[in-house]
């Protein structure tokens, strides 16, 4: 299994601020796409899988790299 380098808080903040600016400009779809590139915390990914289903996570293209690093690459299909 490949070790994932976690995104720093600074990188996450930069992306969130960019998304905020895009929303202020009325570019909601672009902002949402950018926000989904930020790795979802493993605990939240597990919660979303349980309550919303794996299909939701796949369909909307969430970045699950940290959850895969913690739970294994096949966690979404288990």
PDB file of N, CA and C in Angstrom:
ATOM      1  N   UNK A   1       0.850  -1.185   0.000  1.00  0.00           N
ATOM      2  CA  UNK A   1       0.000   0.000   0.000  1.00  0.00           C
ATOM      3  C   UNK A   1       0.890   1.241   0.000  1.00  0.00           C
ATOM      4  N   UNK A   2       0.557   2.192  -0.834  1.00  0.00           N
ATOM      5  CA  UNK A   2       1.333   3.412  -0.950  1.00  0.00           C
ATOM      6  C   UNK A   2       0.960   4.375   0.177  1.00  0.00           C
ATOM      7  N   UNK A   3       1.977   4.936   0.817  1.00  0.00           N
ATOM      8  CA  UNK A   3       1.738   5.890   1.893  1.00  0.00           C
ATOM      9  C   UNK A   3       1.342   7.241   1.284  1.00  0.00           C
ATOM     10  N   UNK A   4       0.249   7.786   1.753  1.00  0.00           N
ATOM     11  CA  UNK A   4      -0.256   9.061   1.252  1.00  0.00           C
ATOM     12  C   UNK A   4       0.302  10.187   2.105  1.00  0.00           C
ATOM     13  N   UNK A   5       0.813  11.195   1.443  1.00  0.00           N
ATOM     14  CA  UNK A   5       1.289  12.376   2.159  1.00  0.00           C
ATOM     15  C   UNK A   5       0.070  13.249   2.435  1.00  0.00           C
ATOM     16  N   UNK A   6      -0.280  13.426   3.706  1.00  0.00           N
ATOM     17  CA  UNK A   6      -1.478  14.212   4.017  1.00  0.00           C
ATOM     18  C   UNK A   6      -1.331  15.662   3.561  1.00  0.00           C
ATOM     19  N   UNK A   7      -2.438  16.241   3.182  1.00  0.00           N
ATOM     20  CA  UNK A   7      -2.459  17.647   2.794  1.00  0.00           C
ATOM     21  C   UNK A   7      -2.312  18.483   4.062  1.00  0.00           C
ATOM     22  N   UNK A   8      -1.460  19.463   4.012  1.00  0.00           N
ATOM     23  CA  UNK A   8      -1.230  20.297   5.196  1.00  0.00           C
ATOM     24  C   UNK A   8      -2.442  21.177   5.475  1.00  0.00           C
ATOM     25  N   UNK A   9      -2.518  21.646   6.683  1.00  0.00           N
ATOM     26  CA  UNK A   9      -3.608  22.561   7.065  1.00  0.00           C
ATOM     27  C   UNK A   9      -3.540  23.818   6.209  1.00  0.00           C
ATOM     28  N   UNK A  10      -2.328  24.274   5.934  1.00  0.00           N
ATOM     29  CA  UNK A  10      -2.146  25.468   5.106  1.00  0.00           C
ATOM     30  C   UNK A  10      -2.702  25.229   3.695  1.00  0.00           C
ATOM     31  N   UNK A  11      -2.406  24.074   3.116  1.00  0.00           N
ATOM     32  CA  UNK A  11      -2.918  23.750   1.779  1.00  0.00           C
ATOM     33  C   UNK A  11      -4.441  23.659   1.783  1.00  0.00           C
ATOM     34  N   UNK A  12      -4.980  23.039   2.824  1.00  0.00           N
ATOM     35  CA  UNK A  12      -6.446  22.924   2.935  1.00  0.00           C
ATOM     36  C   UNK A  12      -7.088  24.308   3.047  1.00  0.00           C
ATOM     37  N   UNK A  13      -6.482  25.166   3.853  1.00  0.00           N
ATOM     38  CA  UNK A  13      -7.005  26.511   4.037  1.00  0.00           C
ATOM     39  C   UNK A  13      -6.957  27.295   2.733  1.00  0.00           C
ATOM     40  N   UNK A  14      -5.862  27.169   1.992  1.00  0.00           N
ATOM     41  CA  UNK A  14      -5.754  27.864   0.711  1.00  0.00           C
ATOM     42  C   UNK A  14      -6.865  27.426  -0.243  1.00  0.00           C
ATOM     43  N   UNK A  15      -7.122  26.137  -0.295  1.00  0.00           N
ATOM     44  CA  UNK A  15      -8.167  25.633  -1.178  1.00  0.00           C
ATOM     45  C   UNK A  15      -9.548  26.104  -0.730  1.00  0.00           C
ATOM     46  N   UNK A  16      -9.784  26.106   0.569  1.00  0.00           N
ATOM     47  CA  UNK A  16     -11.084  26.570   1.084  1.00  0.00           C
ATOM     48  C   UNK A  16     -11.290  28.055   0.802  1.00  0.00           C
ATOM     49  N   UNK A  17     -10.217  28.842   0.949  1.00  0.00           N
ATOM     50  CA  UNK A  17     -10.314  30.276   0.672  1.00  0.00           C
ATOM     51  C   UNK A  17     -10.581  30.525  -0.814  1.00  0.00           C
ATOM     52  N   UNK A  18      -9.936  29.754  -1.678  1.00  0.00           N
ATOM     53  CA  UNK A  18     -10.174  29.870  -3.120  1.00  0.00           C
ATOM     54  C   UNK A  18     -11.632  29.508  -3.428  1.00  0.00           C
ATOM     55  N   UNK A  19     -12.136  28.449  -2.805  1.00  0.00           N
ATOM     56  CA  UNK A  19     -13.527  28.043  -3.003  1.00  0.00           C
ATOM     57  C   UNK A  19     -14.478  29.138  -2.520  1.00  0.00           C
ATOM     58  N   UNK A  20     -14.145  29.755  -1.393  1.00  0.00           N
ATOM     59  CA  UNK A  20     -14.958  30.853  -0.857  1.00  0.00           C
ATOM     60  C   UNK A  20     -15.018  32.001  -1.860  1.00  0.00           C
ATOM     61  N   UNK A  21     -13.877  32.341  -2.440  1.00  0.00           N
ATOM     62  CA  UNK A  21     -13.826  33.421  -3.427  1.00  0.00           C
ATOM     63  C   UNK A  21     -14.651  33.066  -4.670  1.00  0.00           C
ATOM     64  N   UNK A  22     -14.553  31.814  -5.096  1.00  0.00           N
ATOM     65  CA  UNK A  22     -15.334  31.381  -6.252  1.00  0.00           C
ATOM     66  C   UNK A  22     -16.832  31.495  -5.962  1.00  0.00           C
ATOM     67  N   UNK A  23     -17.249  31.148  -4.759  1.00  0.00           N
ATOM     68  CA  UNK A  23     -18.665  31.258  -4.393  1.00  0.00           C
ATOM     69  C   UNK A  23     -19.107  32.721  -4.399  1.00  0.00           C
ATOM     70  N   UNK A  24     -18.244  33.607  -3.926  1.00  0.00           N
ATOM     71  CA  UNK A  24     -18.574  35.043  -3.936  1.00  0.00           C
ATOM     72  C   UNK A  24     -18.771  35.541  -5.363  1.00  0.00           C
ATOM     73  N   UNK A  25     -18.072  34.908  -6.313  1.00  0.00           N
ATOM     74  CA  UNK A  25     -18.194  35.278  -7.728  1.00  0.00           C
ATOM     75  C   UNK A  25     -19.364  34.564  -8.409  1.00  0.00           C
ATOM     76  N   UNK A  26     -20.077  33.731  -7.642  1.00  0.00           N
ATOM     77  CA  UNK A  26     -21.214  33.012  -8.195  1.00  0.00           C
ATOM     78  C   UNK A  26     -20.832  31.738  -8.927  1.00  0.00           C
ATOM     79  N   UNK A  27     -19.596  31.302  -8.778  1.00  0.00           N
ATOM     80  CA  UNK A  27     -19.103  30.092  -9.450  1.00  0.00           C
ATOM     81  C   UNK A  27     -19.226  28.896  -8.501  1.00  0.00           C
ATOM     82  N   UNK A  28     -20.460  28.526  -8.216  1.00  0.00           N
ATOM     83  CA  UNK A  28     -20.736  27.512  -7.204  1.00  0.00           C
ATOM     84  C   UNK A  28     -20.259  26.118  -7.600  1.00  0.00           C
ATOM     85  N   UNK A  29     -20.487  25.736  -8.845  1.00  0.00           N
ATOM     86  CA  UNK A  29     -20.060  24.404  -9.280  1.00  0.00           C
ATOM     87  C   UNK A  29     -18.534  24.271  -9.228  1.00  0.00           C
ATOM     88  N   UNK A  30     -17.830  25.293  -9.671  1.00  0.00           N
ATOM     89  CA  UNK A  30     -16.366  25.279  -9.630  1.00  0.00           C
ATOM     90  C   UNK A  30     -15.865  25.210  -8.186  1.00  0.00           C
ATOM     91  N   UNK A  31     -16.526  25.946  -7.294  1.00  0.00           N
ATOM     92  CA  UNK A  31     -16.146  25.944  -5.883  1.00  0.00           C
ATOM     93  C   UNK A  31     -16.366  24.565  -5.261  1.00  0.00           C
ATOM     94  N   UNK A  32     -17.490  23.947  -5.564  1.00  0.00           N
ATOM     95  CA  UNK A  32     -17.783  22.618  -5.016  1.00  0.00           C
ATOM     96  C   UNK A  32     -16.800  21.575  -5.528  1.00  0.00           C
ATOM     97  N   UNK A  33     -16.440  21.677  -6.792  1.00  0.00           N
ATOM     98  CA  UNK A  33     -15.461  20.748  -7.367  1.00  0.00           C
ATOM     99  C   UNK A  33     -14.111  20.895  -6.653  1.00  0.00           C
ATOM    100  N   UNK A  34     -13.721  22.118  -6.391  1.00  0.00           N
ATOM    101  CA  UNK A  34     -12.466  22.370  -5.676  1.00  0.00           C
ATOM    102  C   UNK A  34     -12.531  21.824  -4.251  1.00  0.00           C
ATOM    103  N   UNK A  35     -13.646  22.025  -3.566  1.00  0.00           N
ATOM    104  CA  UNK A  35     -13.791  21.540  -2.196  1.00  0.00           C
ATOM    105  C   UNK A  35     -13.725  20.015  -2.111  1.00  0.00           C
ATOM    106  N   UNK A  36     -14.230  19.334  -3.145  1.00  0.00           N
ATOM    107  CA  UNK A  36     -14.183  17.870  -3.141  1.00  0.00           C
ATOM    108  C   UNK A  36     -12.769  17.331  -3.353  1.00  0.00           C
ATOM    109  N   UNK A  37     -11.840  18.180  -3.775  1.00  0.00           N
ATOM    110  CA  UNK A  37     -10.445  17.773  -3.950  1.00  0.00           C
ATOM    111  C   UNK A  37      -9.698  17.727  -2.616  1.00  0.00           C
ATOM    112  N   UNK A  38     -10.240  18.372  -1.604  1.00  0.00           N
ATOM    113  CA  UNK A  38      -9.630  18.345  -0.280  1.00  0.00           C
ATOM    114  C   UNK A  38      -9.925  16.983   0.331  1.00  0.00           C
ATOM    115  N   UNK A  39      -8.910  16.273   0.815  1.00  0.00           N
ATOM    116  CA  UNK A  39      -9.162  14.934   1.363  1.00  0.00           C
ATOM    117  C   UNK A  39     -10.196  14.956   2.491  1.00  0.00           C
ATOM    118  N   UNK A  40     -11.168  14.070   2.372  1.00  0.00           N
ATOM    119  CA  UNK A  40     -12.174  13.927   3.417  1.00  0.00           C
ATOM    120  C   UNK A  40     -11.527  13.186   4.591  1.00  0.00           C
ATOM    121  N   UNK A  41     -11.692  13.687   5.810  1.00  0.00           N
ATOM    122  CA  UNK A  41     -11.130  12.977   6.968  1.00  0.00           C
ATOM    123  C   UNK A  41     -11.675  11.550   7.042  1.00  0.00           C
ATOM    124  N   UNK A  42     -10.828  10.584   7.406  1.00  0.00           N
ATOM    125  CA  UNK A  42     -11.260   9.188   7.445  1.00  0.00           C
ATOM    126  C   UNK A  42     -12.531   8.947   8.262  1.00  0.00           C
ATOM    127  N   UNK A  43     -12.658   9.594   9.413  1.00  0.00           N
ATOM    128  CA  UNK A  43     -13.848   9.379  10.250  1.00  0.00           C
ATOM    129  C   UNK A  43     -15.104   9.845   9.525  1.00  0.00           C
ATOM    130  N   UNK A  44     -14.998  10.952   8.777  1.00  0.00           N
ATOM    131  CA  UNK A  44     -16.149  11.479   8.056  1.00  0.00           C
ATOM    132  C   UNK A  44     -16.472  10.608   6.837  1.00  0.00           C
ATOM    133  N   UNK A  45     -15.438  10.107   6.178  1.00  0.00           N
ATOM    134  CA  UNK A  45     -15.651   9.212   5.033  1.00  0.00           C
ATOM    135  C   UNK A  45     -16.369   7.942   5.483  1.00  0.00           C
ATOM    136  N   UNK A  46     -15.970   7.393   6.619  1.00  0.00           N
ATOM    137  CA  UNK A  46     -16.616   6.182   7.147  1.00  0.00           C
ATOM    138  C   UNK A  46     -18.076   6.471   7.507  1.00  0.00           C
ATOM    139  N   UNK A  47     -18.335   7.621   8.110  1.00  0.00           N
ATOM    140  CA  UNK A  47     -19.694   8.038   8.454  1.00  0.00           C
ATOM    141  C   UNK A  47     -20.541   8.187   7.187  1.00  0.00           C
ATOM    142  N   UNK A  48     -19.985   8.872   6.174  1.00  0.00           N
ATOM    143  CA  UNK A  48     -20.707   9.087   4.926  1.00  0.00           C
ATOM    144  C   UNK A  48     -20.997   7.763   4.229  1.00  0.00           C
ATOM    145  N   UNK A  49     -20.036   6.859   4.255  1.00  0.00           N
ATOM    146  CA  UNK A  49     -20.241   5.543   3.644  1.00  0.00           C
ATOM    147  C   UNK A  49     -21.400   4.826   4.335  1.00  0.00           C
ATOM    148  N   UNK A  50     -21.414   4.868   5.645  1.00  0.00           N
ATOM    149  CA  UNK A  50     -22.446   4.170   6.421  1.00  0.00           C
ATOM    150  C   UNK A  50     -23.835   4.784   6.213  1.00  0.00           C
ATOM    151  N   UNK A  51     -23.910   6.115   6.181  1.00  0.00           N
ATOM    152  CA  UNK A  51     -25.205   6.784   6.155  1.00  0.00           C
ATOM    153  C   UNK A  51     -25.668   7.219   4.766  1.00  0.00           C
ATOM    154  N   UNK A  52     -24.726   7.421   3.838  1.00  0.00           N
ATOM    155  CA  UNK A  52     -25.106   7.876   2.506  1.00  0.00           C
ATOM    156  C   UNK A  52     -24.800   6.849   1.420  1.00  0.00           C
ATOM    157  N   UNK A  53     -23.909   5.925   1.745  1.00  0.00           N
ATOM    158  CA  UNK A  53     -23.552   4.868   0.802  1.00  0.00           C
ATOM    159  C   UNK A  53     -22.297   5.162   0.016  1.00  0.00           C
ATOM    160  N   UNK A  54     -21.630   4.098  -0.389  1.00  0.00           N
ATOM    161  CA  UNK A  54     -20.393   4.250  -1.160  1.00  0.00           C
ATOM    162  C   UNK A  54     -20.656   4.927  -2.500  1.00  0.00           C
ATOM    163  N   UNK A  55     -21.833   4.677  -3.062  1.00  0.00           N
ATOM    164  CA  UNK A  55     -22.174   5.271  -4.352  1.00  0.00           C
ATOM    165  C   UNK A  55     -22.102   6.799  -4.288  1.00  0.00           C
ATOM    166  N   UNK A  56     -22.576   7.356  -3.177  1.00  0.00           N
ATOM    167  CA  UNK A  56     -22.536   8.811  -2.992  1.00  0.00           C
ATOM    168  C   UNK A  56     -21.106   9.323  -3.062  1.00  0.00           C
ATOM    169  N   UNK A  57     -20.218   8.661  -2.342  1.00  0.00           N
ATOM    170  CA  UNK A  57     -18.825   9.098  -2.309  1.00  0.00           C
ATOM    171  C   UNK A  57     -18.171   8.990  -3.682  1.00  0.00           C
ATOM    172  N   UNK A  58     -18.500   7.940  -4.402  1.00  0.00           N
ATOM    173  CA  UNK A  58     -17.923   7.730  -5.736  1.00  0.00           C
ATOM    174  C   UNK A  58     -18.525   8.719  -6.732  1.00  0.00           C
ATOM    175  N   UNK A  59     -19.846   8.814  -6.734  1.00  0.00           N
ATOM    176  CA  UNK A  59     -20.548   9.657  -7.705  1.00  0.00           C
ATOM    177  C   UNK A  59     -20.112  11.120  -7.631  1.00  0.00           C
ATOM    178  N   UNK A  60     -19.938  11.628  -6.433  1.00  0.00           N
ATOM    179  CA  UNK A  60     -19.598  13.034  -6.283  1.00  0.00           C
ATOM    180  C   UNK A  60     -18.097  13.304  -6.307  1.00  0.00           C
ATOM    181  N   UNK A  61     -17.292  12.251  -6.427  1.00  0.00           N
ATOM    182  CA  UNK A  61     -15.859  12.426  -6.634  1.00  0.00           C
ATOM    183  C   UNK A  61     -15.085  12.969  -5.451  1.00  0.00           C
ATOM    184  N   UNK A  62     -15.490  12.600  -4.257  1.00  0.00           N
ATOM    185  CA  UNK A  62     -14.760  13.054  -3.066  1.00  0.00           C
ATOM    186  C   UNK A  62     -13.346  12.489  -3.045  1.00  0.00           C
ATOM    187  N   UNK A  63     -12.410  13.245  -2.535  1.00  0.00           N
ATOM    188  CA  UNK A  63     -11.029  12.785  -2.372  1.00  0.00           C
ATOM    189  C   UNK A  63     -11.001  11.904  -1.120  1.00  0.00           C
ATOM    190  N   UNK A  64     -10.797  10.622  -1.320  1.00  0.00           N
ATOM    191  CA  UNK A  64     -10.828   9.650  -0.225  1.00  0.00           C
ATOM    192  C   UNK A  64      -9.433   9.093   0.073  1.00  0.00           C
ATOM    193  N   UNK A  65      -8.403   9.804  -0.332  1.00  0.00           N
ATOM    194  CA  UNK A  65      -7.037   9.299  -0.196  1.00  0.00           C
ATOM    195  C   UNK A  65      -6.651   9.011   1.254  1.00  0.00           C
ATOM    196  N   UNK A  66      -7.077   9.847   2.188  1.00  0.00           N
ATOM    197  CA  UNK A  66      -6.715   9.624   3.589  1.00  0.00           C
ATOM    198  C   UNK A  66      -7.485   8.441   4.177  1.00  0.00           C
ATOM    199  N   UNK A  67      -8.732   8.265   3.775  1.00  0.00           N
ATOM    200  CA  UNK A  67      -9.512   7.115   4.239  1.00  0.00           C
ATOM    201  C   UNK A  67      -8.920   5.826   3.676  1.00  0.00           C
ATOM    202  N   UNK A  68      -8.513   5.846   2.407  1.00  0.00           N
ATOM    203  CA  UNK A  68      -7.893   4.667   1.806  1.00  0.00           C
ATOM    204  C   UNK A  68      -6.575   4.327   2.496  1.00  0.00           C
ATOM    205  N   UNK A  69      -5.819   5.350   2.879  1.00  0.00           N
ATOM    206  CA  UNK A  69      -4.547   5.115   3.575  1.00  0.00           C
ATOM    207  C   UNK A  69      -4.792   4.500   4.954  1.00  0.00           C
ATOM    208  N   UNK A  70      -5.863   4.926   5.611  1.00  0.00           N
ATOM    209  CA  UNK A  70      -6.152   4.428   6.958  1.00  0.00           C
ATOM    210  C   UNK A  70      -6.864   3.083   6.962  1.00  0.00           C
ATOM    211  N   UNK A  71      -7.843   2.901   6.066  1.00  0.00           N
ATOM    212  CA  UNK A  71      -8.684   1.709   6.093  1.00  0.00           C
ATOM    213  C   UNK A  71      -8.316   0.656   5.044  1.00  0.00           C
ATOM    214  N   UNK A  72      -7.459   1.027   4.096  1.00  0.00           N
ATOM    215  CA  UNK A  72      -7.107   0.122   3.005  1.00  0.00           C
ATOM    216  C   UNK A  72      -7.796   0.564   1.720  1.00  0.00           C
ATOM    217  N   UNK A  73      -7.174   0.253   0.609  1.00  0.00           N
ATOM    218  CA  UNK A  73      -7.688   0.717  -0.682  1.00  0.00           C
ATOM    219  C   UNK A  73      -9.062   0.166  -1.025  1.00  0.00           C
ATOM    220  N   UNK A  74      -9.420  -0.986  -0.464  1.00  0.00           N
ATOM    221  CA  UNK A  74     -10.708  -1.589  -0.801  1.00  0.00           C
ATOM    222  C   UNK A  74     -11.812  -1.293   0.223  1.00  0.00           C
ATOM    223  N   UNK A  75     -11.568  -0.391   1.146  1.00  0.00           N
ATOM    224  CA  UNK A  75     -12.531  -0.136   2.221  1.00  0.00           C
ATOM    225  C   UNK A  75     -13.899   0.283   1.716  1.00  0.00           C
ATOM    226  N   UNK A  76     -13.930   0.974   0.595  1.00  0.00           N
ATOM    227  CA  UNK A  76     -15.202   1.485   0.088  1.00  0.00           C
ATOM    228  C   UNK A  76     -16.095   0.357  -0.422  1.00  0.00           C
ATOM    229  N   UNK A  77     -15.489  -0.711  -0.909  1.00  0.00           N
ATOM    230  CA  UNK A  77     -16.271  -1.828  -1.445  1.00  0.00           C
ATOM    231  C   UNK A  77     -16.566  -2.904  -0.408  1.00  0.00           C
ATOM    232  N   UNK A  78     -16.033  -2.770   0.792  1.00  0.00           N
ATOM    233  CA  UNK A  78     -16.296  -3.766   1.835  1.00  0.00           C
ATOM    234  C   UNK A  78     -17.576  -3.464   2.576  1.00  0.00           C
TER     235      UNK A  78
END
